[in-house]
Amino acid sequence: MPQNYTPEFKKKIVRLRLEEGRTINSSTTEYSVSKETIRRWCNEFKEECQISPDTKTEYNNMKEMLKLKRENEELRKEILFLKKAAAFFAKELD
């Protein structure tokens, strides 16, 4: 039996996918929505971006946010590594 989802719910799922980088599988498990449905919603949003300048701006913002989150995570890993290296070399000098 088909379910009716609110536009807000659909947008939330698309945002999780495009902005936060969540996998389709994780959204499927958490929200009980089929993989194909999530793919369709994402494709519809991308198509809407071609028509509406506001939606295109929102889509670009989502992509930029995802890029920045990934970059931020990479920088955190590098900082952690450098802290460990500094502690190691500090012990060597003592």
PDB file of N, CA and C in Angstrom:
ATOM      1  N   MET A   1       0.839  -1.171   0.000  1.00  0.00           N
ATOM      2  CA  MET A   1       0.000   0.000   0.000  1.00  0.00           C
ATOM      3  C   MET A   1       0.894   1.247   0.000  1.00  0.00           C
ATOM      4  N   PRO A   2       0.737   2.129  -0.967  1.00  0.00           N
ATOM      5  CA  PRO A   2       1.576   3.322  -1.035  1.00  0.00           C
ATOM      6  C   PRO A   2       1.328   4.255   0.145  1.00  0.00           C
ATOM      7  N   GLN A   3       2.414   4.850   0.614  1.00  0.00           N
ATOM      8  CA  GLN A   3       2.295   5.817   1.703  1.00  0.00           C
ATOM      9  C   GLN A   3       2.437   7.213   1.145  1.00  0.00           C
ATOM     10  N   ASN A   4       1.770   8.150   1.791  1.00  0.00           N
ATOM     11  CA  ASN A   4       1.907   9.548   1.418  1.00  0.00           C
ATOM     12  C   ASN A   4       2.839  10.219   2.410  1.00  0.00           C
ATOM     13  N   TYR A   5       3.878  10.820   1.893  1.00  0.00           N
ATOM     14  CA  TYR A   5       4.846  11.513   2.732  1.00  0.00           C
ATOM     15  C   TYR A   5       4.697  13.011   2.513  1.00  0.00           C
ATOM     16  N   THR A   6       4.883  13.764   3.572  1.00  0.00           N
ATOM     17  CA  THR A   6       4.784  15.215   3.461  1.00  0.00           C
ATOM     18  C   THR A   6       5.994  15.758   2.707  1.00  0.00           C
ATOM     19  N   PRO A   7       5.839  16.900   2.062  1.00  0.00           N
ATOM     20  CA  PRO A   7       6.983  17.512   1.382  1.00  0.00           C
ATOM     21  C   PRO A   7       8.134  17.804   2.347  1.00  0.00           C
ATOM     22  N   GLU A   8       7.808  18.143   3.593  1.00  0.00           N
ATOM     23  CA  GLU A   8       8.851  18.416   4.585  1.00  0.00           C
ATOM     24  C   GLU A   8       9.664  17.163   4.881  1.00  0.00           C
ATOM     25  N   PHE A   9       8.968  16.021   4.989  1.00  0.00           N
ATOM     26  CA  PHE A   9       9.656  14.761   5.248  1.00  0.00           C
ATOM     27  C   PHE A   9      10.564  14.395   4.076  1.00  0.00           C
ATOM     28  N   LYS A  10      10.052  14.539   2.856  1.00  0.00           N
ATOM     29  CA  LYS A  10      10.854  14.240   1.673  1.00  0.00           C
ATOM     30  C   LYS A  10      12.107  15.115   1.630  1.00  0.00           C
ATOM     31  N   LYS A  11      11.922  16.392   1.924  1.00  0.00           N
ATOM     32  CA  LYS A  11      13.049  17.324   1.905  1.00  0.00           C
ATOM     33  C   LYS A  11      14.070  16.957   2.984  1.00  0.00           C
ATOM     34  N   LYS A  12      13.588  16.507   4.128  1.00  0.00           N
ATOM     35  CA  LYS A  12      14.486  16.088   5.203  1.00  0.00           C
ATOM     36  C   LYS A  12      15.350  14.909   4.750  1.00  0.00           C
ATOM     37  N   ILE A  13      14.750  13.937   4.105  1.00  0.00           N
ATOM     38  CA  ILE A  13      15.490  12.761   3.633  1.00  0.00           C
ATOM     39  C   ILE A  13      16.500  13.176   2.570  1.00  0.00           C
ATOM     40  N   VAL A  14      16.097  14.027   1.648  1.00  0.00           N
ATOM     41  CA  VAL A  14      17.007  14.508   0.601  1.00  0.00           C
ATOM     42  C   VAL A  14      18.156  15.289   1.235  1.00  0.00           C
ATOM     43  N   ARG A  15      17.847  16.109   2.206  1.00  0.00           N
ATOM     44  CA  ARG A  15      18.885  16.899   2.890  1.00  0.00           C
ATOM     45  C   ARG A  15      19.882  15.975   3.603  1.00  0.00           C
ATOM     46  N   LEU A  16      19.390  14.941   4.260  1.00  0.00           N
ATOM     47  CA  LEU A  16      20.283  13.988   4.917  1.00  0.00           C
ATOM     48  C   LEU A  16      21.235  13.360   3.903  1.00  0.00           C
ATOM     49  N   ARG A  17      20.707  13.073   2.743  1.00  0.00           N
ATOM     50  CA  ARG A  17      21.504  12.423   1.692  1.00  0.00           C
ATOM     51  C   ARG A  17      22.514  13.392   1.091  1.00  0.00           C
ATOM     52  N   LEU A  18      22.060  14.569   0.702  1.00  0.00           N
ATOM     53  CA  LEU A  18      22.912  15.485  -0.054  1.00  0.00           C
ATOM     54  C   LEU A  18      23.776  16.379   0.819  1.00  0.00           C
ATOM     55  N   GLU A  19      23.274  16.783   1.967  1.00  0.00           N
ATOM     56  CA  GLU A  19      24.020  17.728   2.799  1.00  0.00           C
ATOM     57  C   GLU A  19      24.876  17.023   3.836  1.00  0.00           C
ATOM     58  N   GLU A  20      24.351  15.962   4.415  1.00  0.00           N
ATOM     59  CA  GLU A  20      25.088  15.284   5.473  1.00  0.00           C
ATOM     60  C   GLU A  20      25.816  14.044   4.980  1.00  0.00           C
ATOM     61  N   GLY A  21      25.560  13.668   3.743  1.00  0.00           N
ATOM     62  CA  GLY A  21      26.278  12.533   3.176  1.00  0.00           C
ATOM     63  C   GLY A  21      25.798  11.178   3.670  1.00  0.00           C
ATOM     64  N   ARG A  22      24.606  11.131   4.209  1.00  0.00           N
ATOM     65  CA  ARG A  22      24.080   9.858   4.691  1.00  0.00           C
ATOM     66  C   ARG A  22      23.855   8.916   3.519  1.00  0.00           C
ATOM     67  N   THR A  23      24.046   7.645   3.756  1.00  0.00           N
ATOM     68  CA  THR A  23      23.811   6.660   2.701  1.00  0.00           C
ATOM     69  C   THR A  23      22.320   6.388   2.585  1.00  0.00           C
ATOM     70  N   ILE A  24      21.949   5.894   1.438  1.00  0.00           N
ATOM     71  CA  ILE A  24      20.545   5.536   1.229  1.00  0.00           C
ATOM     72  C   ILE A  24      20.164   4.409   2.189  1.00  0.00           C
ATOM     73  N   ASN A  25      21.076   3.470   2.395  1.00  0.00           N
ATOM     74  CA  ASN A  25      20.783   2.350   3.295  1.00  0.00           C
ATOM     75  C   ASN A  25      20.494   2.817   4.717  1.00  0.00           C
ATOM     76  N   SER A  26      21.257   3.784   5.213  1.00  0.00           N
ATOM     77  CA  SER A  26      21.020   4.247   6.583  1.00  0.00           C
ATOM     78  C   SER A  26      19.665   4.949   6.693  1.00  0.00           C
ATOM     79  N   SER A  27      19.303   5.715   5.682  1.00  0.00           N
ATOM     80  CA  SER A  27      17.995   6.388   5.701  1.00  0.00           C
ATOM     81  C   SER A  27      16.866   5.377   5.562  1.00  0.00           C
ATOM     82  N   THR A  28      17.083   4.359   4.749  1.00  0.00           N
ATOM     83  CA  THR A  28      16.077   3.316   4.573  1.00  0.00           C
ATOM     84  C   THR A  28      15.817   2.611   5.904  1.00  0.00           C
ATOM     85  N   THR A  29      16.882   2.287   6.598  1.00  0.00           N
ATOM     86  CA  THR A  29      16.746   1.591   7.877  1.00  0.00           C
ATOM     87  C   THR A  29      16.082   2.474   8.923  1.00  0.00           C
ATOM     88  N   GLU A  30      16.523   3.711   9.012  1.00  0.00           N
ATOM     89  CA  GLU A  30      16.032   4.598  10.069  1.00  0.00           C
ATOM     90  C   GLU A  30      14.602   5.069   9.842  1.00  0.00           C
ATOM     91  N   TYR A  31      14.232   5.348   8.593  1.00  0.00           N
ATOM     92  CA  TYR A  31      12.926   5.952   8.317  1.00  0.00           C
ATOM     93  C   TYR A  31      11.939   5.019   7.607  1.00  0.00           C
ATOM     94  N   SER A  32      12.343   3.789   7.355  1.00  0.00           N
ATOM     95  CA  SER A  32      11.465   2.795   6.707  1.00  0.00           C
ATOM     96  C   SER A  32      10.911   3.288   5.376  1.00  0.00           C
ATOM     97  N   VAL A  33      11.797   3.834   4.565  1.00  0.00           N
ATOM     98  CA  VAL A  33      11.450   4.281   3.217  1.00  0.00           C
ATOM     99  C   VAL A  33      12.311   3.456   2.265  1.00  0.00           C
ATOM    100  N   SER A  34      11.740   3.024   1.153  1.00  0.00           N
ATOM    101  CA  SER A  34      12.488   2.174   0.230  1.00  0.00           C
ATOM    102  C   SER A  34      13.627   2.948  -0.437  1.00  0.00           C
ATOM    103  N   LYS A  35      14.630   2.198  -0.856  1.00  0.00           N
ATOM    104  CA  LYS A  35      15.786   2.797  -1.528  1.00  0.00           C
ATOM    105  C   LYS A  35      15.363   3.518  -2.800  1.00  0.00           C
ATOM    106  N   GLU A  36      14.490   2.882  -3.543  1.00  0.00           N
ATOM    107  CA  GLU A  36      14.043   3.481  -4.807  1.00  0.00           C
ATOM    108  C   GLU A  36      13.291   4.786  -4.571  1.00  0.00           C
ATOM    109  N   THR A  37      12.517   4.844  -3.507  1.00  0.00           N
ATOM    110  CA  THR A  37      11.778   6.066  -3.186  1.00  0.00           C
ATOM    111  C   THR A  37      12.745   7.200  -2.878  1.00  0.00           C
ATOM    112  N   ILE A  38      13.776   6.911  -2.092  1.00  0.00           N
ATOM    113  CA  ILE A  38      14.766   7.941  -1.754  1.00  0.00           C
ATOM    114  C   ILE A  38      15.501   8.396  -3.005  1.00  0.00           C
ATOM    115  N   ARG A  39      15.876   7.461  -3.862  1.00  0.00           N
ATOM    116  CA  ARG A  39      16.535   7.824  -5.131  1.00  0.00           C
ATOM    117  C   ARG A  39      15.640   8.733  -5.969  1.00  0.00           C
ATOM    118  N   ARG A  40      14.358   8.376  -6.024  1.00  0.00           N
ATOM    119  CA  ARG A  40      13.407   9.169  -6.818  1.00  0.00           C
ATOM    120  C   ARG A  40      13.289  10.587  -6.252  1.00  0.00           C
ATOM    121  N   TRP A  41      13.193  10.709  -4.928  1.00  0.00           N
ATOM    122  CA  TRP A  41      13.091  12.030  -4.309  1.00  0.00           C
ATOM    123  C   TRP A  41      14.336  12.866  -4.600  1.00  0.00           C
ATOM    124  N   CYS A  42      15.499  12.244  -4.524  1.00  0.00           N
ATOM    125  CA  CYS A  42      16.744  12.973  -4.811  1.00  0.00           C
ATOM    126  C   CYS A  42      16.775  13.418  -6.273  1.00  0.00           C
ATOM    127  N   ASN A  43      16.371  12.547  -7.182  1.00  0.00           N
ATOM    128  CA  ASN A  43      16.341  12.894  -8.600  1.00  0.00           C
ATOM    129  C   ASN A  43      15.331  14.002  -8.879  1.00  0.00           C
ATOM    130  N   GLU A  44      14.176  13.930  -8.229  1.00  0.00           N
ATOM    131  CA  GLU A  44      13.176  14.983  -8.407  1.00  0.00           C
ATOM    132  C   GLU A  44      13.710  16.330  -7.926  1.00  0.00           C
ATOM    133  N   PHE A  45      14.421  16.304  -6.808  1.00  0.00           N
ATOM    134  CA  PHE A  45      14.991  17.540  -6.282  1.00  0.00           C
ATOM    135  C   PHE A  45      16.030  18.095  -7.251  1.00  0.00           C
ATOM    136  N   LYS A  46      16.862  17.225  -7.806  1.00  0.00           N
ATOM    137  CA  LYS A  46      17.871  17.681  -8.772  1.00  0.00           C
ATOM    138  C   LYS A  46      17.211  18.257 -10.023  1.00  0.00           C
ATOM    139  N   GLU A  47      16.131  17.626 -10.478  1.00  0.00           N
ATOM    140  CA  GLU A  47      15.405  18.145 -11.640  1.00  0.00           C
ATOM    141  C   GLU A  47      14.784  19.499 -11.320  1.00  0.00           C
ATOM    142  N   GLU A  48      14.256  19.630 -10.129  1.00  0.00           N
ATOM    143  CA  GLU A  48      13.659  20.899  -9.715  1.00  0.00           C
ATOM    144  C   GLU A  48      14.710  22.006  -9.697  1.00  0.00           C
ATOM    145  N   CYS A  49      15.938  21.632  -9.397  1.00  0.00           N
ATOM    146  CA  CYS A  49      17.038  22.607  -9.379  1.00  0.00           C
ATOM    147  C   CYS A  49      17.258  23.222 -10.761  1.00  0.00           C
ATOM    148  N   GLN A  50      16.962  22.481 -11.798  1.00  0.00           N
ATOM    149  CA  GLN A  50      17.127  22.975 -13.154  1.00  0.00           C
ATOM    150  C   GLN A  50      16.086  24.046 -13.490  1.00  0.00           C
ATOM    151  N   ILE A  51      14.953  24.000 -12.804  1.00  0.00           N
ATOM    152  CA  ILE A  51      13.849  24.907 -13.083  1.00  0.00           C
ATOM    153  C   ILE A  51      13.860  26.122 -12.167  1.00  0.00           C
ATOM    154  N   SER A  52      14.063  25.887 -10.879  1.00  0.00           N
ATOM    155  CA  SER A  52      13.931  26.947  -9.879  1.00  0.00           C
ATOM    156  C   SER A  52      15.295  27.444  -9.397  1.00  0.00           C
ATOM    157  N   PRO A  53      15.567  28.734  -9.558  1.00  0.00           N
ATOM    158  CA  PRO A  53      16.844  29.278  -9.073  1.00  0.00           C
ATOM    159  C   PRO A  53      17.007  29.146  -7.562  1.00  0.00           C
ATOM    160  N   ASP A  54      15.899  29.278  -6.823  1.00  0.00           N
ATOM    161  CA  ASP A  54      15.968  29.144  -5.361  1.00  0.00           C
ATOM    162  C   ASP A  54      16.373  27.726  -4.972  1.00  0.00           C
ATOM    163  N   THR A  55      15.793  26.751  -5.639  1.00  0.00           N
ATOM    164  CA  THR A  55      16.105  25.359  -5.346  1.00  0.00           C
ATOM    165  C   THR A  55      17.538  25.047  -5.749  1.00  0.00           C
ATOM    166  N   LYS A  56      17.979  25.616  -6.864  1.00  0.00           N
ATOM    167  CA  LYS A  56      19.355  25.393  -7.298  1.00  0.00           C
ATOM    168  C   LYS A  56      20.335  25.953  -6.265  1.00  0.00           C
ATOM    169  N   THR A  57      20.033  27.110  -5.720  1.00  0.00           N
ATOM    170  CA  THR A  57      20.876  27.701  -4.682  1.00  0.00           C
ATOM    171  C   THR A  57      20.897  26.807  -3.447  1.00  0.00           C
ATOM    172  N   GLU A  58      19.745  26.300  -3.083  1.00  0.00           N
ATOM    173  CA  GLU A  58      19.657  25.407  -1.919  1.00  0.00           C
ATOM    174  C   GLU A  58      20.465  24.127  -2.166  1.00  0.00           C
ATOM    175  N   TYR A  59      20.366  23.582  -3.362  1.00  0.00           N
ATOM    176  CA  TYR A  59      21.120  22.376  -3.721  1.00  0.00           C
ATOM    177  C   TYR A  59      22.623  22.645  -3.653  1.00  0.00           C
ATOM    178  N   ASN A  60      23.048  23.768  -4.200  1.00  0.00           N
ATOM    179  CA  ASN A  60      24.470  24.119  -4.160  1.00  0.00           C
ATOM    180  C   ASN A  60      24.945  24.306  -2.723  1.00  0.00           C
ATOM    181  N   ASN A  61      24.093  24.888  -1.881  1.00  0.00           N
ATOM    182  CA  ASN A  61      24.441  25.044  -0.473  1.00  0.00           C
ATOM    183  C   ASN A  61      24.592  23.689   0.218  1.00  0.00           C
ATOM    184  N   MET A  62      23.718  22.755  -0.121  1.00  0.00           N
ATOM    185  CA  MET A  62      23.803  21.408   0.449  1.00  0.00           C
ATOM    186  C   MET A  62      25.114  20.743   0.053  1.00  0.00           C
ATOM    187  N   LYS A  63      25.465  20.844  -1.225  1.00  0.00           N
ATOM    188  CA  LYS A  63      26.707  20.235  -1.697  1.00  0.00           C
ATOM    189  C   LYS A  63      27.915  20.874  -1.019  1.00  0.00           C
ATOM    190  N   GLU A  64      27.903  22.187  -0.884  1.00  0.00           N
ATOM    191  CA  GLU A  64      29.005  22.894  -0.243  1.00  0.00           C
ATOM    192  C   GLU A  64      29.117  22.490   1.230  1.00  0.00           C
ATOM    193  N   MET A  65      27.981  22.350   1.898  1.00  0.00           N
ATOM    194  CA  MET A  65      27.986  21.944   3.305  1.00  0.00           C
ATOM    195  C   MET A  65      28.592  20.552   3.457  1.00  0.00           C
ATOM    196  N   LEU A  66      28.234  19.644   2.581  1.00  0.00           N
ATOM    197  CA  LEU A  66      28.786  18.296   2.636  1.00  0.00           C
ATOM    198  C   LEU A  66      30.292  18.330   2.409  1.00  0.00           C
ATOM    199  N   LYS A  67      30.737  19.108   1.443  1.00  0.00           N
ATOM    200  CA  LYS A  67      32.165  19.237   1.157  1.00  0.00           C
ATOM    201  C   LYS A  67      32.903  19.782   2.380  1.00  0.00           C
ATOM    202  N   LEU A  68      32.348  20.801   3.005  1.00  0.00           N
ATOM    203  CA  LEU A  68      32.987  21.397   4.173  1.00  0.00           C
ATOM    204  C   LEU A  68      33.005  20.450   5.373  1.00  0.00           C
ATOM    205  N   LYS A  69      31.948  19.684   5.538  1.00  0.00           N
ATOM    206  CA  LYS A  69      31.927  18.709   6.630  1.00  0.00           C
ATOM    207  C   LYS A  69      32.992  17.642   6.428  1.00  0.00           C
ATOM    208  N   ARG A  70      33.146  17.173   5.214  1.00  0.00           N
ATOM    209  CA  ARG A  70      34.180  16.169   4.935  1.00  0.00           C
ATOM    210  C   ARG A  70      35.575  16.751   5.133  1.00  0.00           C
ATOM    211  N   GLU A  71      35.763  17.969   4.674  1.00  0.00           N
ATOM    212  CA  GLU A  71      37.047  18.635   4.838  1.00  0.00           C
ATOM    213  C   GLU A  71      37.341  18.859   6.322  1.00  0.00           C
ATOM    214  N   ASN A  72      36.341  19.252   7.079  1.00  0.00           N
ATOM    215  CA  ASN A  72      36.491  19.466   8.509  1.00  0.00           C
ATOM    216  C   ASN A  72      36.900  18.171   9.215  1.00  0.00           C
ATOM    217  N   GLU A  73      36.280  17.078   8.854  1.00  0.00           N
ATOM    218  CA  GLU A  73      36.616  15.780   9.447  1.00  0.00           C
ATOM    219  C   GLU A  73      38.061  15.399   9.128  1.00  0.00           C
ATOM    220  N   GLU A  74      38.477  15.634   7.904  1.00  0.00           N
ATOM    221  CA  GLU A  74      39.857  15.333   7.509  1.00  0.00           C
ATOM    222  C   GLU A  74      40.839  16.182   8.315  1.00  0.00           C
ATOM    223  N   LEU A  75      40.530  17.444   8.508  1.00  0.00           N
ATOM    224  CA  LEU A  75      41.402  18.323   9.291  1.00  0.00           C
ATOM    225  C   LEU A  75      41.466  17.885  10.755  1.00  0.00           C
ATOM    226  N   ARG A  76      40.357  17.433  11.291  1.00  0.00           N
ATOM    227  CA  ARG A  76      40.366  16.922  12.668  1.00  0.00           C
ATOM    228  C   ARG A  76      41.286  15.718  12.800  1.00  0.00           C
ATOM    229  N   LYS A  77      41.253  14.835  11.823  1.00  0.00           N
ATOM    230  CA  LYS A  77      42.133  13.667  11.848  1.00  0.00           C
ATOM    231  C   LYS A  77      43.591  14.100  11.782  1.00  0.00           C
ATOM    232  N   GLU A  78      43.887  15.069  10.926  1.00  0.00           N
ATOM    233  CA  GLU A  78      45.265  15.556  10.806  1.00  0.00           C
ATOM    234  C   GLU A  78      45.733  16.199  12.106  1.00  0.00           C
ATOM    235  N   ILE A  79      44.874  16.968  12.758  1.00  0.00           N
ATOM    236  CA  ILE A  79      45.234  17.603  14.025  1.00  0.00           C
ATOM    237  C   ILE A  79      45.511  16.547  15.094  1.00  0.00           C
ATOM    238  N   LEU A  80      44.682  15.539  15.156  1.00  0.00           N
ATOM    239  CA  LEU A  80      44.886  14.463  16.118  1.00  0.00           C
ATOM    240  C   LEU A  80      46.227  13.776  15.879  1.00  0.00           C
ATOM    241  N   PHE A  81      46.535  13.503  14.621  1.00  0.00           N
ATOM    242  CA  PHE A  81      47.812  12.885  14.281  1.00  0.00           C
ATOM    243  C   PHE A  81      48.974  13.781  14.702  1.00  0.00           C
ATOM    244  N   LEU A  82      48.884  15.069  14.428  1.00  0.00           N
ATOM    245  CA  LEU A  82      49.957  15.989  14.785  1.00  0.00           C
ATOM    246  C   LEU A  82      50.130  16.098  16.299  1.00  0.00           C
ATOM    247  N   LYS A  83      49.038  16.050  17.047  1.00  0.00           N
ATOM    248  CA  LYS A  83      49.141  16.070  18.505  1.00  0.00           C
ATOM    249  C   LYS A  83      49.881  14.841  19.014  1.00  0.00           C
ATOM    250  N   LYS A  84      49.554  13.690  18.445  1.00  0.00           N
ATOM    251  CA  LYS A  84      50.229  12.454  18.852  1.00  0.00           C
ATOM    252  C   LYS A  84      51.705  12.499  18.488  1.00  0.00           C
ATOM    253  N   ALA A  85      52.002  13.021  17.303  1.00  0.00           N
ATOM    254  CA  ALA A  85      53.397  13.121  16.878  1.00  0.00           C
ATOM    255  C   ALA A  85      54.156  14.084  17.778  1.00  0.00           C
ATOM    256  N   ALA A  86      53.552  15.195  18.135  1.00  0.00           N
ATOM    257  CA  ALA A  86      54.211  16.164  19.019  1.00  0.00           C
ATOM    258  C   ALA A  86      54.480  15.547  20.385  1.00  0.00           C
ATOM    259  N   ALA A  87      53.524  14.791  20.906  1.00  0.00           N
ATOM    260  CA  ALA A  87      53.717  14.130  22.197  1.00  0.00           C
ATOM    261  C   ALA A  87      54.843  13.105  22.109  1.00  0.00           C
ATOM    262  N   PHE A  88      54.909  12.370  21.024  1.00  0.00           N
ATOM    263  CA  PHE A  88      55.969  11.378  20.836  1.00  0.00           C
ATOM    264  C   PHE A  88      57.338  12.046  20.806  1.00  0.00           C
ATOM    265  N   PHE A  89      57.485  13.108  20.036  1.00  0.00           N
ATOM    266  CA  PHE A  89      58.775  13.780  19.925  1.00  0.00           C
ATOM    267  C   PHE A  89      59.130  14.521  21.218  1.00  0.00           C
ATOM    268  N   ALA A  90      58.133  14.972  21.970  1.00  0.00           N
ATOM    269  CA  ALA A  90      58.399  15.620  23.251  1.00  0.00           C
ATOM    270  C   ALA A  90      59.010  14.615  24.232  1.00  0.00           C
ATOM    271  N   LYS A  91      58.535  13.368  24.183  1.00  0.00           N
ATOM    272  CA  LYS A  91      59.099  12.322  25.037  1.00  0.00           C
ATOM    273  C   LYS A  91      60.542  12.015  24.640  1.00  0.00           C
ATOM    274  N   GLU A  92      60.808  12.033  23.351  1.00  0.00           N
ATOM    275  CA  GLU A  92      62.148  11.749  22.822  1.00  0.00           C
ATOM    276  C   GLU A  92      63.165  12.794  23.306  1.00  0.00           C
ATOM    277  N   LEU A  93      62.738  14.023  23.488  1.00  0.00           N
ATOM    278  CA  LEU A  93      63.657  15.102  23.886  1.00  0.00           C
ATOM    279  C   LEU A  93      63.977  15.050  25.370  1.00  0.00           C
ATOM    280  N   ASP A  94      63.103  14.434  26.130  1.00  0.00           N
ATOM    281  CA  ASP A  94      63.343  14.363  27.596  1.00  0.00           C
ATOM    282  C   ASP A  94      64.380  13.380  27.960  1.00  0.00           C
TER     283      ASP A  94
END
